[in-house]
């Protein structure tokens, strides 16, 4: 695997992370503006504050349980699907970067 391929994979990984952050923020904003109950469950309330790890796993639970489709918000559902796609792409690119050189001959 050449350095150019690794550089392209690295740029793709950075772009995917950036897209994931933007979509995550869009989902949080949409939940905060239009669906206060699920937003309170994910991010916590003034009475029960959540740390970052708890919010992250609450979001994963929200995405895994198909709660986004039950809200009837098409834009939110599309963003949730896009976040899932970005997550899968992240792991695929990461695996290609980490294990690709082991299975392919390095030139150099």
N, C-alpha and C. Protein backbone atom coordinates (compact mmCIF):
# COMPACT_ATOMS: atom_id res chain seq x y z
N UNK A 1 0.87 -1.17 0.00
CA UNK A 1 0.00 0.00 0.00
C UNK A 1 0.91 1.22 0.00
N UNK A 2 0.72 2.07 -0.97
CA UNK A 2 1.61 3.22 -1.11
C UNK A 2 1.19 4.34 -0.15
N UNK A 3 2.09 5.27 0.00
CA UNK A 3 1.80 6.42 0.86
C UNK A 3 0.66 7.26 0.32
N UNK A 4 0.52 7.31 -1.00
CA UNK A 4 -0.57 8.09 -1.60
C UNK A 4 -1.93 7.51 -1.22
N UNK A 5 -2.04 6.18 -1.22
CA UNK A 5 -3.29 5.54 -0.84
C UNK A 5 -3.60 5.80 0.63
N UNK A 6 -2.59 5.70 1.47
CA UNK A 6 -2.80 5.99 2.89
C UNK A 6 -3.19 7.44 3.12
N UNK A 7 -2.60 8.35 2.34
CA UNK A 7 -2.96 9.77 2.46
C UNK A 7 -4.40 10.00 2.03
N UNK A 8 -4.82 9.34 0.96
CA UNK A 8 -6.21 9.48 0.51
C UNK A 8 -7.17 8.92 1.55
N UNK A 9 -6.82 7.78 2.13
CA UNK A 9 -7.67 7.20 3.18
C UNK A 9 -7.73 8.11 4.40
N UNK A 10 -6.61 8.73 4.74
CA UNK A 10 -6.59 9.63 5.88
C UNK A 10 -7.47 10.86 5.64
N UNK A 11 -7.41 11.41 4.44
CA UNK A 11 -8.27 12.55 4.10
C UNK A 11 -9.74 12.13 4.12
N UNK A 12 -10.03 10.95 3.60
CA UNK A 12 -11.41 10.44 3.62
C UNK A 12 -11.89 10.23 5.06
N UNK A 13 -11.01 9.74 5.92
CA UNK A 13 -11.36 9.55 7.32
C UNK A 13 -11.65 10.89 8.00
N UNK A 14 -10.82 11.88 7.75
CA UNK A 14 -11.04 13.21 8.34
C UNK A 14 -12.34 13.83 7.83
N UNK A 15 -12.62 13.67 6.53
CA UNK A 15 -13.86 14.20 5.96
C UNK A 15 -15.07 13.49 6.56
N UNK A 16 -14.97 12.19 6.78
CA UNK A 16 -16.06 11.44 7.38
C UNK A 16 -16.30 11.88 8.82
N UNK A 17 -15.26 12.10 9.56
CA UNK A 17 -15.40 12.56 10.95
C UNK A 17 -16.06 13.94 10.97
N UNK A 18 -15.64 14.82 10.07
CA UNK A 18 -16.23 16.15 9.99
C UNK A 18 -17.72 16.07 9.63
N UNK A 19 -18.06 15.21 8.67
CA UNK A 19 -19.47 15.02 8.29
C UNK A 19 -20.26 14.44 9.45
N UNK A 20 -19.68 13.49 10.19
CA UNK A 20 -20.36 12.89 11.33
C UNK A 20 -20.69 13.96 12.38
N UNK A 21 -19.75 14.83 12.66
CA UNK A 21 -19.96 15.89 13.65
C UNK A 21 -21.06 16.84 13.18
N UNK A 22 -21.04 17.22 11.91
CA UNK A 22 -22.08 18.12 11.39
C UNK A 22 -23.47 17.49 11.45
N UNK A 23 -23.57 16.22 11.08
CA UNK A 23 -24.87 15.54 11.12
C UNK A 23 -25.33 15.36 12.55
N UNK A 24 -24.42 15.02 13.45
CA UNK A 24 -24.77 14.88 14.87
C UNK A 24 -25.32 16.19 15.42
N UNK A 25 -24.66 17.30 15.09
CA UNK A 25 -25.13 18.60 15.56
C UNK A 25 -26.49 18.95 14.95
N UNK A 26 -26.72 18.58 13.69
CA UNK A 26 -28.00 18.82 13.05
C UNK A 26 -29.12 18.02 13.72
N UNK A 27 -28.82 16.78 14.08
CA UNK A 27 -29.81 15.95 14.79
C UNK A 27 -30.12 16.55 16.16
N UNK A 28 -29.09 16.95 16.88
CA UNK A 28 -29.31 17.55 18.20
C UNK A 28 -30.13 18.82 18.11
N UNK A 29 -29.82 19.65 17.12
CA UNK A 29 -30.56 20.89 16.94
C UNK A 29 -32.02 20.62 16.59
N UNK A 30 -32.25 19.65 15.69
CA UNK A 30 -33.62 19.31 15.29
C UNK A 30 -34.42 18.75 16.47
N UNK A 31 -33.78 17.91 17.27
CA UNK A 31 -34.47 17.38 18.45
C UNK A 31 -34.77 18.48 19.46
N UNK A 32 -33.82 19.38 19.66
CA UNK A 32 -34.02 20.46 20.62
C UNK A 32 -35.15 21.40 20.19
N UNK A 33 -35.24 21.68 18.88
CA UNK A 33 -36.24 22.61 18.39
C UNK A 33 -37.63 22.01 18.26
N UNK A 34 -37.73 20.75 17.85
CA UNK A 34 -39.04 20.20 17.50
C UNK A 34 -39.51 19.05 18.38
N UNK A 35 -38.60 18.37 19.04
CA UNK A 35 -38.97 17.19 19.83
C UNK A 35 -38.27 17.29 21.18
N UNK A 36 -38.87 17.98 22.10
CA UNK A 36 -38.21 18.26 23.39
C UNK A 36 -38.10 17.02 24.27
N UNK A 37 -39.07 16.13 24.22
CA UNK A 37 -39.02 14.95 25.08
C UNK A 37 -37.85 14.02 24.73
N UNK A 38 -37.68 13.63 23.47
CA UNK A 38 -36.50 12.79 23.16
C UNK A 38 -35.18 13.53 23.40
N UNK A 39 -35.17 14.83 23.17
CA UNK A 39 -33.94 15.60 23.41
C UNK A 39 -33.59 15.58 24.89
N UNK A 40 -34.60 15.69 25.77
CA UNK A 40 -34.34 15.64 27.20
C UNK A 40 -33.83 14.27 27.62
N UNK A 41 -34.32 13.22 26.97
CA UNK A 41 -33.85 11.87 27.29
C UNK A 41 -32.39 11.69 26.88
N UNK A 42 -32.03 12.23 25.72
CA UNK A 42 -30.67 12.06 25.21
C UNK A 42 -29.68 12.96 25.94
N UNK A 43 -30.00 14.25 26.07
CA UNK A 43 -29.01 15.19 26.61
C UNK A 43 -29.17 15.48 28.09
N UNK A 44 -30.25 15.04 28.69
CA UNK A 44 -30.44 15.28 30.11
C UNK A 44 -31.23 16.56 30.36
N UNK A 45 -31.58 16.76 31.60
CA UNK A 45 -32.33 17.94 32.01
C UNK A 45 -31.55 18.66 33.10
N UNK A 46 -32.09 19.77 33.54
CA UNK A 46 -31.43 20.52 34.62
C UNK A 46 -31.43 19.70 35.91
N UNK A 47 -32.45 18.89 36.11
CA UNK A 47 -32.53 18.07 37.32
C UNK A 47 -31.57 16.88 37.25
N UNK A 48 -31.38 16.34 36.05
CA UNK A 48 -30.48 15.19 35.88
C UNK A 48 -29.52 15.48 34.74
N UNK A 49 -28.34 15.92 35.08
CA UNK A 49 -27.34 16.26 34.08
C UNK A 49 -26.61 14.99 33.64
N UNK A 50 -26.24 14.96 32.37
CA UNK A 50 -25.52 13.82 31.81
C UNK A 50 -24.14 14.26 31.35
N UNK A 51 -23.19 13.35 31.47
CA UNK A 51 -21.87 13.64 30.93
C UNK A 51 -21.83 13.23 29.46
N UNK A 52 -20.72 13.48 28.81
CA UNK A 52 -20.60 13.22 27.39
C UNK A 52 -20.77 11.76 27.02
N UNK A 53 -20.23 10.87 27.81
CA UNK A 53 -20.34 9.44 27.52
C UNK A 53 -21.80 8.97 27.65
N UNK A 54 -22.50 9.45 28.64
CA UNK A 54 -23.90 9.08 28.82
C UNK A 54 -24.75 9.61 27.67
N UNK A 55 -24.47 10.83 27.21
CA UNK A 55 -25.19 11.39 26.06
C UNK A 55 -24.90 10.59 24.80
N UNK A 56 -23.65 10.17 24.63
CA UNK A 56 -23.28 9.39 23.45
C UNK A 56 -24.03 8.07 23.41
N UNK A 57 -24.07 7.35 24.52
CA UNK A 57 -24.77 6.08 24.54
C UNK A 57 -26.28 6.26 24.48
N UNK A 58 -26.79 7.37 24.98
CA UNK A 58 -28.22 7.66 24.83
C UNK A 58 -28.55 7.90 23.36
N UNK A 59 -27.66 8.58 22.63
CA UNK A 59 -27.87 8.79 21.20
C UNK A 59 -27.81 7.46 20.45
N UNK A 60 -26.87 6.60 20.80
CA UNK A 60 -26.79 5.29 20.15
C UNK A 60 -28.06 4.48 20.40
N UNK A 61 -28.58 4.55 21.60
CA UNK A 61 -29.83 3.87 21.92
C UNK A 61 -30.97 4.45 21.10
N UNK A 62 -31.01 5.77 20.97
CA UNK A 62 -32.04 6.43 20.17
C UNK A 62 -31.97 5.97 18.72
N UNK A 63 -30.76 5.87 18.17
CA UNK A 63 -30.60 5.45 16.79
C UNK A 63 -30.91 3.97 16.59
N UNK A 64 -30.54 3.15 17.54
CA UNK A 64 -30.72 1.70 17.41
C UNK A 64 -32.17 1.27 17.61
N UNK A 65 -32.92 2.01 18.41
CA UNK A 65 -34.29 1.62 18.72
C UNK A 65 -35.31 2.14 17.71
N UNK A 66 -34.85 2.79 16.66
CA UNK A 66 -35.74 3.34 15.62
C UNK A 66 -36.73 4.35 16.19
N UNK A 67 -36.33 5.07 17.23
CA UNK A 67 -37.19 6.11 17.79
C UNK A 67 -37.34 7.29 16.84
N UNK A 68 -36.37 7.47 15.95
CA UNK A 68 -36.43 8.59 15.02
C UNK A 68 -37.59 8.44 14.04
N UNK A 69 -37.89 7.21 13.61
CA UNK A 69 -39.00 6.99 12.69
C UNK A 69 -40.35 7.18 13.38
N UNK A 70 -40.41 6.90 14.67
CA UNK A 70 -41.66 7.03 15.40
C UNK A 70 -42.07 8.49 15.60
N UNK A 71 -41.13 9.41 15.48
CA UNK A 71 -41.45 10.83 15.67
C UNK A 71 -42.17 11.43 14.48
N UNK A 72 -42.09 10.80 13.33
CA UNK A 72 -42.79 11.30 12.14
C UNK A 72 -42.12 12.50 11.50
N UNK A 73 -40.84 12.70 11.74
CA UNK A 73 -40.09 13.81 11.18
C UNK A 73 -39.17 13.27 10.10
N UNK A 74 -39.51 13.51 8.84
CA UNK A 74 -38.76 12.93 7.73
C UNK A 74 -37.32 13.44 7.69
N UNK A 75 -37.12 14.73 7.93
CA UNK A 75 -35.76 15.30 7.89
C UNK A 75 -34.90 14.68 8.99
N UNK A 76 -35.47 14.46 10.16
CA UNK A 76 -34.72 13.84 11.25
C UNK A 76 -34.37 12.39 10.91
N UNK A 77 -35.30 11.69 10.29
CA UNK A 77 -35.04 10.30 9.90
C UNK A 77 -33.92 10.22 8.88
N UNK A 78 -33.91 11.13 7.92
CA UNK A 78 -32.85 11.14 6.90
C UNK A 78 -31.50 11.44 7.55
N UNK A 79 -31.47 12.37 8.49
CA UNK A 79 -30.21 12.69 9.18
C UNK A 79 -29.73 11.52 10.01
N UNK A 80 -30.64 10.80 10.64
CA UNK A 80 -30.24 9.63 11.43
C UNK A 80 -29.67 8.54 10.53
N UNK A 81 -30.26 8.34 9.36
CA UNK A 81 -29.73 7.36 8.42
C UNK A 81 -28.34 7.80 7.94
N UNK A 82 -28.19 9.08 7.67
CA UNK A 82 -26.89 9.60 7.24
C UNK A 82 -25.83 9.43 8.33
N UNK A 83 -26.22 9.61 9.59
CA UNK A 83 -25.28 9.40 10.70
C UNK A 83 -24.85 7.94 10.78
N UNK A 84 -25.79 7.04 10.56
CA UNK A 84 -25.44 5.62 10.57
C UNK A 84 -24.48 5.28 9.43
N UNK A 85 -24.72 5.86 8.26
CA UNK A 85 -23.84 5.62 7.11
C UNK A 85 -22.44 6.16 7.40
N UNK A 86 -22.36 7.35 7.99
CA UNK A 86 -21.06 7.93 8.33
C UNK A 86 -20.32 7.06 9.34
N UNK A 87 -21.04 6.48 10.27
CA UNK A 87 -20.43 5.61 11.27
C UNK A 87 -19.85 4.35 10.63
N UNK A 88 -20.61 3.73 9.73
CA UNK A 88 -20.13 2.53 9.05
C UNK A 88 -18.92 2.88 8.18
N UNK A 89 -18.99 4.00 7.47
CA UNK A 89 -17.84 4.42 6.65
C UNK A 89 -16.60 4.66 7.50
N UNK A 90 -16.78 5.25 8.66
CA UNK A 90 -15.65 5.48 9.55
C UNK A 90 -14.94 4.18 9.88
N UNK A 91 -15.71 3.17 10.28
CA UNK A 91 -15.09 1.89 10.64
C UNK A 91 -14.46 1.21 9.44
N UNK A 92 -15.08 1.30 8.27
CA UNK A 92 -14.49 0.68 7.08
C UNK A 92 -13.18 1.35 6.68
N UNK A 93 -13.16 2.68 6.69
CA UNK A 93 -11.93 3.40 6.34
C UNK A 93 -10.85 3.12 7.38
N UNK A 94 -11.24 3.11 8.64
CA UNK A 94 -10.28 2.85 9.71
C UNK A 94 -9.68 1.45 9.57
N UNK A 95 -10.51 0.47 9.30
CA UNK A 95 -10.00 -0.89 9.12
C UNK A 95 -9.10 -0.99 7.90
N UNK A 96 -9.46 -0.29 6.83
CA UNK A 96 -8.61 -0.31 5.64
C UNK A 96 -7.25 0.31 5.93
N UNK A 97 -7.24 1.37 6.72
CA UNK A 97 -5.97 2.02 7.05
C UNK A 97 -5.13 1.17 8.00
N UNK A 98 -5.76 0.53 8.94
CA UNK A 98 -5.01 -0.20 9.96
C UNK A 98 -4.53 -1.57 9.48
N UNK A 99 -5.38 -2.28 8.76
CA UNK A 99 -5.04 -3.65 8.42
C UNK A 99 -4.66 -3.82 6.96
N UNK A 100 -4.87 -2.83 6.12
CA UNK A 100 -4.49 -2.92 4.72
C UNK A 100 -3.01 -3.17 4.52
N UNK A 101 -2.12 -2.44 5.18
CA UNK A 101 -0.69 -2.70 4.99
C UNK A 101 -0.23 -4.09 5.41
N UNK A 102 -0.96 -4.73 6.32
CA UNK A 102 -0.57 -6.08 6.75
C UNK A 102 -0.85 -7.11 5.67
N UNK A 103 -1.91 -6.87 4.88
CA UNK A 103 -2.30 -7.86 3.89
C UNK A 103 -1.79 -7.54 2.49
N UNK A 104 -1.35 -6.31 2.28
CA UNK A 104 -0.82 -5.92 0.99
C UNK A 104 0.69 -5.69 1.13
N UNK A 105 1.38 -5.85 0.05
CA UNK A 105 2.83 -5.65 0.09
C UNK A 105 3.14 -4.17 0.15
N UNK A 106 3.98 -3.81 1.06
CA UNK A 106 4.42 -2.43 1.16
C UNK A 106 5.57 -2.22 0.17
N UNK A 107 5.48 -1.13 -0.55
CA UNK A 107 6.55 -0.79 -1.47
C UNK A 107 7.39 0.30 -0.84
N UNK A 108 8.65 0.18 -0.94
CA UNK A 108 9.43 1.26 -0.39
C UNK A 108 10.75 0.84 0.02
